[in-house]
Amino acid sequence: MSIKSEATAIAAAPSRNADFVALAKPRLNMLVVVSSVAGYVMGGGDTHDVLRLTAVALGTGLVAGGASAFNQVIERETDSLMHRTRLRPMADRRLAIREALIFAAVLTLMGLAVLAAGANTLSALVALLTLLSYAVVYTPLKKVSSFATVVGAIPGALPPVIGWAAAQDELSRGAWVLFAIVFLWQLPHFLAIAWIYREDYARAGLPMLPVIDPDGRSTARQSMIYAAALLPVSLAPTLVGMAGTVYFAGALVLSVAFVWLAVRFGMTRSVADARRLFFGSITYLPLLWVLMIVNRT
């Protein structure tokens, strides 16, 4: 090997590794992992059991990474048409389809195995359901209907259920309270993103609600409705005995603020207010988890 070709190979290796990391989206999936850990703690899981807690976090993260990789393989054509996603590894043709699928499958199988062995079979089954509903149902549906956003909120709301299942080995009422909170939280979050990038989605031929609703009235109305519905649901952990009054007060303040951001976006339908709603949403959920865990009963 010549000096030049050796230098090229050395330079290419980190880039290739970075492409595989980009397939798994570890940074974006961090909130998924946090939500699964929150579900484990709220389900009464032993936080001193480091191996079990690590299995929940690692297993969920690996399955989420696999789901992200499968998603990018399936959406490689539409991603290539959007400015926001055109430089993703699959959209930019930097990785072969076969190797990306193998990578996605390995991550997924490892994650399911970690959950099954380190926690229990139920948590692995919920994680598998999360993957299938995301990659097999939601992702193809995005090309067909704006209702895909609602469908996509289902796998997005399952991570805390994975954690709860790992803690209790059953899906009792508390698991569905956590599911409902994350389900409703996601919809204003998704709609804000879709409004910001509506031109990109239109360019890719994806019928997201802001694409088929050019004046934004329906997008704004649905954002406000879901945010308003989240307010009472976010208080449910106290009402069913999962959390105390400190959580109730904090959740009330956070949810009222979230509703206000949605109302502000609804009034202006501006990109600036959509961004405020988006950033408010990614602040809201971690703070809610912290309050819930600190004041759990």
C-alpha atoms as a PDB file:
ATOM      1  CA  MET A   1       0.000   0.000   0.000  1.00  0.00           C
ATOM      2  CA  SER A   2       1.341   3.428  -0.915  1.00  0.00           C
ATOM      3  CA  ILE A   3       1.710   6.203   1.650  1.00  0.00           C
ATOM      4  CA  LYS A   4      -1.114   8.104  -0.046  1.00  0.00           C
ATOM      5  CA  SER A   5      -3.539   5.156  -0.101  1.00  0.00           C
ATOM      6  CA  GLU A   6      -2.682   4.265   3.504  1.00  0.00           C
ATOM      7  CA  ALA A   7      -3.371   7.822   4.598  1.00  0.00           C
ATOM      8  CA  THR A   8      -6.679   7.751   2.724  1.00  0.00           C
ATOM      9  CA  ALA A   9      -7.674   4.489   4.423  1.00  0.00           C
ATOM     10  CA  ILE A  10      -6.797   5.872   7.855  1.00  0.00           C
ATOM     11  CA  ALA A  11      -8.805   9.035   7.176  1.00  0.00           C
ATOM     12  CA  ALA A  12     -11.776   7.052   5.856  1.00  0.00           C
ATOM     13  CA  ALA A  13     -12.054   4.718   8.852  1.00  0.00           C
ATOM     14  CA  PRO A  14     -13.280   7.257  11.429  1.00  0.00           C
ATOM     15  CA  SER A  15     -15.767   8.634   8.901  1.00  0.00           C
ATOM     16  CA  ARG A  16     -17.170   5.169   8.268  1.00  0.00           C
ATOM     17  CA  ASN A  17     -17.436   4.489  11.988  1.00  0.00           C
ATOM     18  CA  ALA A  18     -19.179   7.828  12.402  1.00  0.00           C
ATOM     19  CA  ASP A  19     -21.702   6.816   9.747  1.00  0.00           C
ATOM     20  CA  PHE A  20     -22.656   3.695  11.696  1.00  0.00           C
ATOM     21  CA  VAL A  21     -22.997   5.799  14.844  1.00  0.00           C
ATOM     22  CA  ALA A  22     -25.200   8.234  12.903  1.00  0.00           C
ATOM     23  CA  LEU A  23     -27.449   5.334  11.892  1.00  0.00           C
ATOM     24  CA  ALA A  24     -28.140   4.609  15.568  1.00  0.00           C
ATOM     25  CA  LYS A  25     -28.774   8.276  16.506  1.00  0.00           C
ATOM     26  CA  PRO A  26     -27.444   7.890  20.070  1.00  0.00           C
ATOM     27  CA  ARG A  27     -27.872  11.562  20.956  1.00  0.00           C
ATOM     28  CA  LEU A  28     -31.487  11.743  19.823  1.00  0.00           C
ATOM     29  CA  ASN A  29     -32.267   8.407  21.483  1.00  0.00           C
ATOM     30  CA  MET A  30     -30.964   9.581  24.848  1.00  0.00           C
ATOM     31  CA  LEU A  31     -34.446  10.743  25.876  1.00  0.00           C
ATOM     32  CA  VAL A  32     -35.754   7.271  24.976  1.00  0.00           C
ATOM     33  CA  VAL A  33     -33.238   5.728  27.372  1.00  0.00           C
ATOM     34  CA  VAL A  34     -34.035   8.286  30.094  1.00  0.00           C
ATOM     35  CA  SER A  35     -37.744   7.522  29.705  1.00  0.00           C
ATOM     36  CA  SER A  36     -37.177   3.777  30.062  1.00  0.00           C
ATOM     37  CA  VAL A  37     -35.099   4.320  33.204  1.00  0.00           C
ATOM     38  CA  ALA A  38     -37.816   6.626  34.572  1.00  0.00           C
ATOM     39  CA  GLY A  39     -40.382   3.894  33.938  1.00  0.00           C
ATOM     40  CA  TYR A  40     -38.167   1.397  35.762  1.00  0.00           C
ATOM     41  CA  VAL A  41     -37.793   3.651  38.786  1.00  0.00           C
ATOM     42  CA  MET A  42     -41.496   4.573  38.884  1.00  0.00           C
ATOM     43  CA  GLY A  43     -42.339   0.887  38.604  1.00  0.00           C
ATOM     44  CA  GLY A  44     -40.465   0.300  41.854  1.00  0.00           C
ATOM     45  CA  GLY A  45     -37.372  -1.198  40.272  1.00  0.00           C
ATOM     46  CA  ASP A  46     -34.374  -1.652  42.550  1.00  0.00           C
ATOM     47  CA  THR A  47     -32.039   1.244  41.726  1.00  0.00           C
ATOM     48  CA  HIS A  48     -29.268  -0.469  43.683  1.00  0.00           C
ATOM     49  CA  ASP A  49     -29.386  -3.391  41.268  1.00  0.00           C
ATOM     50  CA  VAL A  50     -26.811  -1.870  38.937  1.00  0.00           C
ATOM     51  CA  LEU A  51     -26.789  -4.792  36.509  1.00  0.00           C
ATOM     52  CA  ARG A  52     -30.569  -4.751  36.042  1.00  0.00           C
ATOM     53  CA  LEU A  53     -30.702  -0.964  35.723  1.00  0.00           C
ATOM     54  CA  THR A  54     -27.856  -1.056  33.205  1.00  0.00           C
ATOM     55  CA  ALA A  55     -29.668  -3.767  31.250  1.00  0.00           C
ATOM     56  CA  VAL A  56     -32.781  -1.567  31.017  1.00  0.00           C
ATOM     57  CA  ALA A  57     -30.830   1.455  29.803  1.00  0.00           C
ATOM     58  CA  LEU A  58     -28.474  -0.421  27.487  1.00  0.00           C
ATOM     59  CA  GLY A  59     -31.088  -2.785  26.088  1.00  0.00           C
ATOM     60  CA  THR A  60     -33.543   0.028  25.357  1.00  0.00           C
ATOM     61  CA  GLY A  61     -30.791   2.139  23.805  1.00  0.00           C
ATOM     62  CA  LEU A  62     -29.656  -0.684  21.528  1.00  0.00           C
ATOM     63  CA  VAL A  63     -33.198  -1.434  20.323  1.00  0.00           C
ATOM     64  CA  ALA A  64     -33.820   2.279  19.763  1.00  0.00           C
ATOM     65  CA  GLY A  65     -30.587   2.459  17.783  1.00  0.00           C
ATOM     66  CA  GLY A  66     -31.654  -0.518  15.690  1.00  0.00           C
ATOM     67  CA  ALA A  67     -35.043   1.067  15.040  1.00  0.00           C
ATOM     68  CA  SER A  68     -33.359   4.303  13.933  1.00  0.00           C
ATOM     69  CA  ALA A  69     -31.099   2.377  11.561  1.00  0.00           C
ATOM     70  CA  PHE A  70     -34.019   0.442  10.043  1.00  0.00           C
ATOM     71  CA  ASN A  71     -35.888   3.732   9.655  1.00  0.00           C
ATOM     72  CA  GLN A  72     -33.022   5.317   7.736  1.00  0.00           C
ATOM     73  CA  VAL A  73     -32.766   2.331   5.406  1.00  0.00           C
ATOM     74  CA  ILE A  74     -36.498   2.452   4.655  1.00  0.00           C
ATOM     75  CA  GLU A  75     -36.558   6.237   4.241  1.00  0.00           C
ATOM     76  CA  ARG A  76     -33.297   6.626   2.324  1.00  0.00           C
ATOM     77  CA  GLU A  77     -35.041   7.945  -0.806  1.00  0.00           C
ATOM     78  CA  THR A  78     -37.222  10.503   0.949  1.00  0.00           C
ATOM     79  CA  ASP A  79     -34.350  11.523   3.233  1.00  0.00           C
ATOM     80  CA  SER A  80     -32.255  12.307   0.151  1.00  0.00           C
ATOM     81  CA  LEU A  81     -34.884  14.855  -0.951  1.00  0.00           C
ATOM     82  CA  MET A  82     -34.915  16.792   2.327  1.00  0.00           C
ATOM     83  CA  HIS A  83     -32.285  19.388   3.194  1.00  0.00           C
ATOM     84  CA  ARG A  84     -32.426  18.373   6.869  1.00  0.00           C
ATOM     85  CA  THR A  85     -31.703  14.695   6.216  1.00  0.00           C
ATOM     86  CA  ARG A  86     -29.942  14.504   2.835  1.00  0.00           C
ATOM     87  CA  LEU A  87     -26.512  13.974   4.431  1.00  0.00           C
ATOM     88  CA  ARG A  88     -27.556  10.975   6.495  1.00  0.00           C
ATOM     89  CA  PRO A  89     -25.431   7.899   5.684  1.00  0.00           C
ATOM     90  CA  MET A  90     -28.136   6.054   3.759  1.00  0.00           C
ATOM     91  CA  ALA A  91     -29.527   9.110   1.986  1.00  0.00           C
ATOM     92  CA  ASP A  92     -26.020  10.074   0.881  1.00  0.00           C
ATOM     93  CA  ARG A  93     -25.252   6.472  -0.210  1.00  0.00           C
ATOM     94  CA  ARG A  94     -22.194   6.247   2.036  1.00  0.00           C
ATOM     95  CA  LEU A  95     -23.229   2.838   3.362  1.00  0.00           C
ATOM     96  CA  ALA A  96     -24.587  -0.163   1.516  1.00  0.00           C
ATOM     97  CA  ILE A  97     -28.151  -1.264   2.268  1.00  0.00           C
ATOM     98  CA  ARG A  98     -27.036  -4.767   3.242  1.00  0.00           C
ATOM     99  CA  GLU A  99     -24.477  -3.628   5.798  1.00  0.00           C
ATOM    100  CA  ALA A 100     -26.903  -1.103   7.279  1.00  0.00           C
ATOM    101  CA  LEU A 101     -29.560  -3.801   7.669  1.00  0.00           C
ATOM    102  CA  ILE A 102     -27.055  -6.145   9.308  1.00  0.00           C
ATOM    103  CA  PHE A 103     -26.003  -3.350  11.670  1.00  0.00           C
ATOM    104  CA  ALA A 104     -29.651  -2.592  12.530  1.00  0.00           C
ATOM    105  CA  ALA A 105     -30.447  -6.262  13.106  1.00  0.00           C
ATOM    106  CA  VAL A 106     -27.378  -6.804  15.312  1.00  0.00           C
ATOM    107  CA  LEU A 107     -28.214  -3.777  17.471  1.00  0.00           C
ATOM    108  CA  THR A 108     -31.813  -4.901  17.817  1.00  0.00           C
ATOM    109  CA  LEU A 109     -31.019  -8.511  18.677  1.00  0.00           C
ATOM    110  CA  MET A 110     -28.369  -7.446  21.176  1.00  0.00           C
ATOM    111  CA  GLY A 111     -30.803  -5.044  22.816  1.00  0.00           C
ATOM    112  CA  LEU A 112     -33.572  -7.626  23.064  1.00  0.00           C
ATOM    113  CA  ALA A 113     -31.130 -10.185  24.466  1.00  0.00           C
ATOM    114  CA  VAL A 114     -29.834  -7.718  27.075  1.00  0.00           C
ATOM    115  CA  LEU A 115     -33.387  -6.905  28.202  1.00  0.00           C
ATOM    116  CA  ALA A 116     -34.482 -10.544  28.299  1.00  0.00           C
ATOM    117  CA  ALA A 117     -31.395 -11.750  30.175  1.00  0.00           C
ATOM    118  CA  GLY A 118     -30.781  -8.705  32.364  1.00  0.00           C
ATOM    119  CA  ALA A 119     -34.384  -7.821  33.193  1.00  0.00           C
ATOM    120  CA  ASN A 120     -37.185 -10.106  31.947  1.00  0.00           C
ATOM    121  CA  THR A 121     -38.930 -11.419  28.852  1.00  0.00           C
ATOM    122  CA  LEU A 122     -41.831  -8.953  29.117  1.00  0.00           C
ATOM    123  CA  SER A 123     -39.569  -5.922  28.809  1.00  0.00           C
ATOM    124  CA  ALA A 124     -37.960  -7.468  25.713  1.00  0.00           C
ATOM    125  CA  LEU A 125     -41.389  -8.125  24.191  1.00  0.00           C
ATOM    126  CA  VAL A 126     -42.467  -4.516  24.769  1.00  0.00           C
ATOM    127  CA  ALA A 127     -39.202  -3.358  23.170  1.00  0.00           C
ATOM    128  CA  LEU A 128     -39.869  -5.638  20.186  1.00  0.00           C
ATOM    129  CA  LEU A 129     -43.383  -4.167  19.873  1.00  0.00           C
ATOM    130  CA  THR A 130     -41.829  -0.708  19.957  1.00  0.00           C
ATOM    131  CA  LEU A 131     -39.480  -1.587  17.111  1.00  0.00           C
ATOM    132  CA  LEU A 132     -42.151  -3.233  14.941  1.00  0.00           C
ATOM    133  CA  SER A 133     -44.727  -0.470  15.392  1.00  0.00           C
ATOM    134  CA  TYR A 134     -42.074   2.127  14.561  1.00  0.00           C
ATOM    135  CA  ALA A 135     -40.287   0.522  11.621  1.00  0.00           C
ATOM    136  CA  VAL A 136     -43.017  -1.675  10.117  1.00  0.00           C
ATOM    137  CA  VAL A 137     -46.146   0.430  10.733  1.00  0.00           C
ATOM    138  CA  TYR A 138     -45.270   4.092  11.342  1.00  0.00           C
ATOM    139  CA  THR A 139     -42.395   4.553   8.889  1.00  0.00           C
ATOM    140  CA  PRO A 140     -44.230   3.266   5.757  1.00  0.00           C
ATOM    141  CA  LEU A 141     -47.433   5.059   6.827  1.00  0.00           C
ATOM    142  CA  LYS A 142     -45.644   8.431   6.691  1.00  0.00           C
ATOM    143  CA  LYS A 143     -45.776   8.239   2.891  1.00  0.00           C
ATOM    144  CA  VAL A 144     -49.530   7.665   2.905  1.00  0.00           C
ATOM    145  CA  SER A 145     -51.263   9.676   5.612  1.00  0.00           C
ATOM    146  CA  SER A 146     -50.822  12.534   8.050  1.00  0.00           C
ATOM    147  CA  PHE A 147     -52.344  10.189  10.647  1.00  0.00           C
ATOM    148  CA  ALA A 148     -48.896   8.589  10.790  1.00  0.00           C
ATOM    149  CA  THR A 149     -47.960  11.224  13.373  1.00  0.00           C
ATOM    150  CA  VAL A 150     -50.537   9.817  15.800  1.00  0.00           C
ATOM    151  CA  VAL A 151     -49.498   6.241  15.023  1.00  0.00           C
ATOM    152  CA  GLY A 152     -45.844   7.167  15.526  1.00  0.00           C
ATOM    153  CA  ALA A 153     -46.640   8.449  18.995  1.00  0.00           C
ATOM    154  CA  ILE A 154     -47.431   4.865  20.059  1.00  0.00           C
ATOM    155  CA  PRO A 155     -43.889   3.431  19.778  1.00  0.00           C
ATOM    156  CA  GLY A 156     -42.576   6.746  21.042  1.00  0.00           C
ATOM    157  CA  ALA A 157     -44.614   6.334  24.232  1.00  0.00           C
ATOM    158  CA  LEU A 158     -43.524   2.747  24.941  1.00  0.00           C
ATOM    159  CA  PRO A 159     -40.012   3.290  26.425  1.00  0.00           C
ATOM    160  CA  PRO A 160     -41.301   4.029  29.958  1.00  0.00           C
ATOM    161  CA  VAL A 161     -43.481   0.929  29.604  1.00  0.00           C
ATOM    162  CA  ILE A 162     -40.315  -1.088  28.849  1.00  0.00           C
ATOM    163  CA  GLY A 163     -38.824   0.169  32.110  1.00  0.00           C
ATOM    164  CA  TRP A 164     -42.020  -0.516  34.062  1.00  0.00           C
ATOM    165  CA  ALA A 165     -42.177  -4.052  32.659  1.00  0.00           C
ATOM    166  CA  ALA A 166     -38.547  -4.609  33.659  1.00  0.00           C
ATOM    167  CA  ALA A 167     -39.352  -3.528  37.217  1.00  0.00           C
ATOM    168  CA  GLN A 168     -42.669  -5.288  37.793  1.00  0.00           C
ATOM    169  CA  ASP A 169     -42.860  -8.002  35.132  1.00  0.00           C
ATOM    170  CA  GLU A 170     -46.421  -6.869  34.454  1.00  0.00           C
ATOM    171  CA  LEU A 171     -48.171  -3.912  32.824  1.00  0.00           C
ATOM    172  CA  SER A 172     -50.332  -2.472  35.557  1.00  0.00           C
ATOM    173  CA  ARG A 173     -52.147   0.872  35.658  1.00  0.00           C
ATOM    174  CA  GLY A 174     -49.032   2.918  36.306  1.00  0.00           C
ATOM    175  CA  ALA A 175     -47.438   1.775  33.054  1.00  0.00           C
ATOM    176  CA  TRP A 176     -50.372   3.118  31.062  1.00  0.00           C
ATOM    177  CA  VAL A 177     -50.361   6.422  32.945  1.00  0.00           C
ATOM    178  CA  LEU A 178     -46.743   6.920  31.873  1.00  0.00           C
ATOM    179  CA  PHE A 179     -47.624   5.802  28.338  1.00  0.00           C
ATOM    180  CA  ALA A 180     -50.460   8.342  28.137  1.00  0.00           C
ATOM    181  CA  ILE A 181     -48.228  11.191  29.319  1.00  0.00           C
ATOM    182  CA  VAL A 182     -45.546  10.528  26.713  1.00  0.00           C
ATOM    183  CA  PHE A 183     -48.108   9.824  23.975  1.00  0.00           C
ATOM    184  CA  LEU A 184     -49.824  13.192  24.416  1.00  0.00           C
ATOM    185  CA  TRP A 185     -46.516  15.035  24.903  1.00  0.00           C
ATOM    186  CA  GLN A 186     -45.200  13.783  21.570  1.00  0.00           C
ATOM    187  CA  LEU A 187     -47.946  15.197  19.381  1.00  0.00           C
ATOM    188  CA  PRO A 188     -47.307  18.931  19.922  1.00  0.00           C
ATOM    189  CA  HIS A 189     -43.594  18.059  19.794  1.00  0.00           C
ATOM    190  CA  PHE A 190     -43.947  16.308  16.403  1.00  0.00           C
ATOM    191  CA  LEU A 191     -46.300  18.927  14.969  1.00  0.00           C
ATOM    192  CA  ALA A 192     -43.887  21.712  15.878  1.00  0.00           C
ATOM    193  CA  ILE A 193     -41.075  19.899  14.048  1.00  0.00           C
ATOM    194  CA  ALA A 194     -43.313  19.231  11.055  1.00  0.00           C
ATOM    195  CA  TRP A 195     -44.315  22.902  10.860  1.00  0.00           C
ATOM    196  CA  ILE A 196     -40.695  24.070  10.997  1.00  0.00           C
ATOM    197  CA  TYR A 197     -39.674  21.665   8.217  1.00  0.00           C
ATOM    198  CA  ARG A 198     -42.939  21.595   6.252  1.00  0.00           C
ATOM    199  CA  GLU A 199     -41.230  22.658   3.016  1.00  0.00           C
ATOM    200  CA  ASP A 200     -38.769  19.794   3.399  1.00  0.00           C
ATOM    201  CA  TYR A 201     -41.581  17.303   3.981  1.00  0.00           C
ATOM    202  CA  ALA A 202     -43.463  18.656   0.965  1.00  0.00           C
ATOM    203  CA  ARG A 203     -40.328  18.315  -1.178  1.00  0.00           C
ATOM    204  CA  ALA A 204     -40.060  14.669  -0.144  1.00  0.00           C
ATOM    205  CA  GLY A 205     -43.748  14.026  -0.856  1.00  0.00           C
ATOM    206  CA  LEU A 206     -44.633  13.209   2.740  1.00  0.00           C
ATOM    207  CA  PRO A 207     -48.232  14.243   3.555  1.00  0.00           C
ATOM    208  CA  MET A 208     -47.527  15.529   7.055  1.00  0.00           C
ATOM    209  CA  LEU A 209     -50.331  17.638   8.498  1.00  0.00           C
ATOM    210  CA  PRO A 210     -48.530  20.984   7.914  1.00  0.00           C
ATOM    211  CA  VAL A 211     -48.040  19.974   4.257  1.00  0.00           C
ATOM    212  CA  ILE A 212     -51.743  19.335   3.590  1.00  0.00           C
ATOM    213  CA  ASP A 213     -52.738  22.192   5.930  1.00  0.00           C
ATOM    214  CA  PRO A 214     -50.830  25.128   4.383  1.00  0.00           C
ATOM    215  CA  ASP A 215     -52.428  27.855   6.521  1.00  0.00           C
ATOM    216  CA  GLY A 216     -51.584  25.890   9.664  1.00  0.00           C
ATOM    217  CA  ARG A 217     -54.993  26.190  11.301  1.00  0.00           C
ATOM    218  CA  SER A 218     -55.477  22.461  11.814  1.00  0.00           C
ATOM    219  CA  THR A 219     -51.845  21.998  12.860  1.00  0.00           C
ATOM    220  CA  ALA A 220     -52.171  24.739  15.454  1.00  0.00           C
ATOM    221  CA  ARG A 221     -55.545  23.494  16.691  1.00  0.00           C
ATOM    222  CA  GLN A 222     -54.306  19.942  17.158  1.00  0.00           C
ATOM    223  CA  SER A 223     -51.163  21.152  18.937  1.00  0.00           C
ATOM    224  CA  MET A 224     -53.300  23.078  21.411  1.00  0.00           C
ATOM    225  CA  ILE A 225     -55.775  20.224  21.906  1.00  0.00           C
ATOM    226  CA  TYR A 226     -53.090  17.648  22.655  1.00  0.00           C
ATOM    227  CA  ALA A 227     -51.192  20.023  24.947  1.00  0.00           C
ATOM    228  CA  ALA A 228     -54.419  20.802  26.811  1.00  0.00           C
ATOM    229  CA  ALA A 229     -55.205  17.080  27.121  1.00  0.00           C
ATOM    230  CA  LEU A 230     -51.721  16.487  28.506  1.00  0.00           C
ATOM    231  CA  LEU A 231     -52.339  18.882  31.417  1.00  0.00           C
ATOM    232  CA  PRO A 232     -54.795  16.704  33.400  1.00  0.00           C
ATOM    233  CA  VAL A 233     -53.045  13.478  32.343  1.00  0.00           C
ATOM    234  CA  SER A 234     -49.715  14.801  33.618  1.00  0.00           C
ATOM    235  CA  LEU A 235     -51.317  15.176  37.063  1.00  0.00           C
ATOM    236  CA  ALA A 236     -52.538  11.558  37.091  1.00  0.00           C
ATOM    237  CA  PRO A 237     -49.421  10.129  38.822  1.00  0.00           C
ATOM    238  CA  THR A 238     -50.428  12.002  41.979  1.00  0.00           C
ATOM    239  CA  LEU A 239     -54.103  11.133  41.600  1.00  0.00           C
ATOM    240  CA  VAL A 240     -53.370   7.387  41.360  1.00  0.00           C
ATOM    241  CA  GLY A 241     -50.805   7.417  44.175  1.00  0.00           C
ATOM    242  CA  MET A 242     -47.592   7.178  42.135  1.00  0.00           C
ATOM    243  CA  ALA A 243     -46.246  10.621  43.084  1.00  0.00           C
ATOM    244  CA  GLY A 244     -46.782  13.244  45.754  1.00  0.00           C
ATOM    245  CA  THR A 245     -47.996  16.828  45.961  1.00  0.00           C
ATOM    246  CA  VAL A 246     -44.626  18.348  45.033  1.00  0.00           C
ATOM    247  CA  TYR A 247     -44.821  16.520  41.731  1.00  0.00           C
ATOM    248  CA  PHE A 248     -48.442  17.651  41.301  1.00  0.00           C
ATOM    249  CA  ALA A 249     -47.513  21.310  41.765  1.00  0.00           C
ATOM    250  CA  GLY A 250     -44.474  21.071  39.508  1.00  0.00           C
ATOM    251  CA  ALA A 251     -46.336  19.152  36.804  1.00  0.00           C
ATOM    252  CA  LEU A 252     -49.125  21.720  36.902  1.00  0.00           C
ATOM    253  CA  VAL A 253     -46.685  24.587  36.350  1.00  0.00           C
ATOM    254  CA  LEU A 254     -44.819  22.770  33.582  1.00  0.00           C
ATOM    255  CA  SER A 255     -47.997  21.693  31.802  1.00  0.00           C
ATOM    256  CA  VAL A 256     -49.574  25.152  31.953  1.00  0.00           C
ATOM    257  CA  ALA A 257     -46.370  26.566  30.457  1.00  0.00           C
ATOM    258  CA  PHE A 258     -46.459  23.876  27.753  1.00  0.00           C
ATOM    259  CA  VAL A 259     -50.079  24.723  26.941  1.00  0.00           C
ATOM    260  CA  TRP A 260     -49.135  28.395  26.702  1.00  0.00           C
ATOM    261  CA  LEU A 261     -46.366  27.612  24.209  1.00  0.00           C
ATOM    262  CA  ALA A 262     -48.861  25.615  22.128  1.00  0.00           C
ATOM    263  CA  VAL A 263     -51.427  28.443  22.321  1.00  0.00           C
ATOM    264  CA  ARG A 264     -48.796  30.993  21.337  1.00  0.00           C
ATOM    265  CA  PHE A 265     -47.864  28.874  18.335  1.00  0.00           C
ATOM    266  CA  GLY A 266     -51.562  28.487  17.535  1.00  0.00           C
ATOM    267  CA  MET A 267     -52.067  32.240  17.578  1.00  0.00           C
ATOM    268  CA  THR A 268     -49.129  33.129  15.335  1.00  0.00           C
ATOM    269  CA  ARG A 269     -48.343  29.893  13.462  1.00  0.00           C
ATOM    270  CA  SER A 270     -44.843  31.274  13.051  1.00  0.00           C
ATOM    271  CA  VAL A 271     -41.667  29.226  12.724  1.00  0.00           C
ATOM    272  CA  ALA A 272     -40.226  31.109  15.700  1.00  0.00           C
ATOM    273  CA  ASP A 273     -43.098  30.039  17.955  1.00  0.00           C
ATOM    274  CA  ALA A 274     -42.954  26.493  16.569  1.00  0.00           C
ATOM    275  CA  ARG A 275     -39.307  26.423  17.634  1.00  0.00           C
ATOM    276  CA  ARG A 276     -40.253  27.681  21.089  1.00  0.00           C
ATOM    277  CA  LEU A 277     -42.826  24.904  21.355  1.00  0.00           C
ATOM    278  CA  PHE A 278     -40.266  22.344  20.187  1.00  0.00           C
ATOM    279  CA  PHE A 279     -37.572  23.450  22.639  1.00  0.00           C
ATOM    280  CA  GLY A 280     -40.180  23.709  25.378  1.00  0.00           C
ATOM    281  CA  SER A 281     -41.198  20.121  24.682  1.00  0.00           C
ATOM    282  CA  ILE A 282     -37.676  18.723  24.968  1.00  0.00           C
ATOM    283  CA  THR A 283     -37.283  20.581  28.262  1.00  0.00           C
ATOM    284  CA  TYR A 284     -40.686  19.574  29.601  1.00  0.00           C
ATOM    285  CA  LEU A 285     -40.361  15.788  29.619  1.00  0.00           C
ATOM    286  CA  PRO A 286     -36.969  15.438  31.391  1.00  0.00           C
ATOM    287  CA  LEU A 287     -38.109  17.900  34.065  1.00  0.00           C
ATOM    288  CA  LEU A 288     -41.335  15.950  34.513  1.00  0.00           C
ATOM    289  CA  TRP A 289     -39.366  12.711  34.962  1.00  0.00           C
ATOM    290  CA  VAL A 290     -37.108  14.354  37.551  1.00  0.00           C
ATOM    291  CA  LEU A 291     -40.082  15.679  39.515  1.00  0.00           C
ATOM    292  CA  MET A 292     -41.851  12.327  39.349  1.00  0.00           C
ATOM    293  CA  ILE A 293     -38.835  10.320  40.493  1.00  0.00           C
ATOM    294  CA  VAL A 294     -37.862  12.730  43.282  1.00  0.00           C
ATOM    295  CA  ASN A 295     -41.431  12.841  44.656  1.00  0.00           C
ATOM    296  CA  ARG A 296     -42.529   9.250  43.967  1.00  0.00           C
ATOM    297  CA  THR A 297     -44.600   7.575  46.651  1.00  0.00           C
END
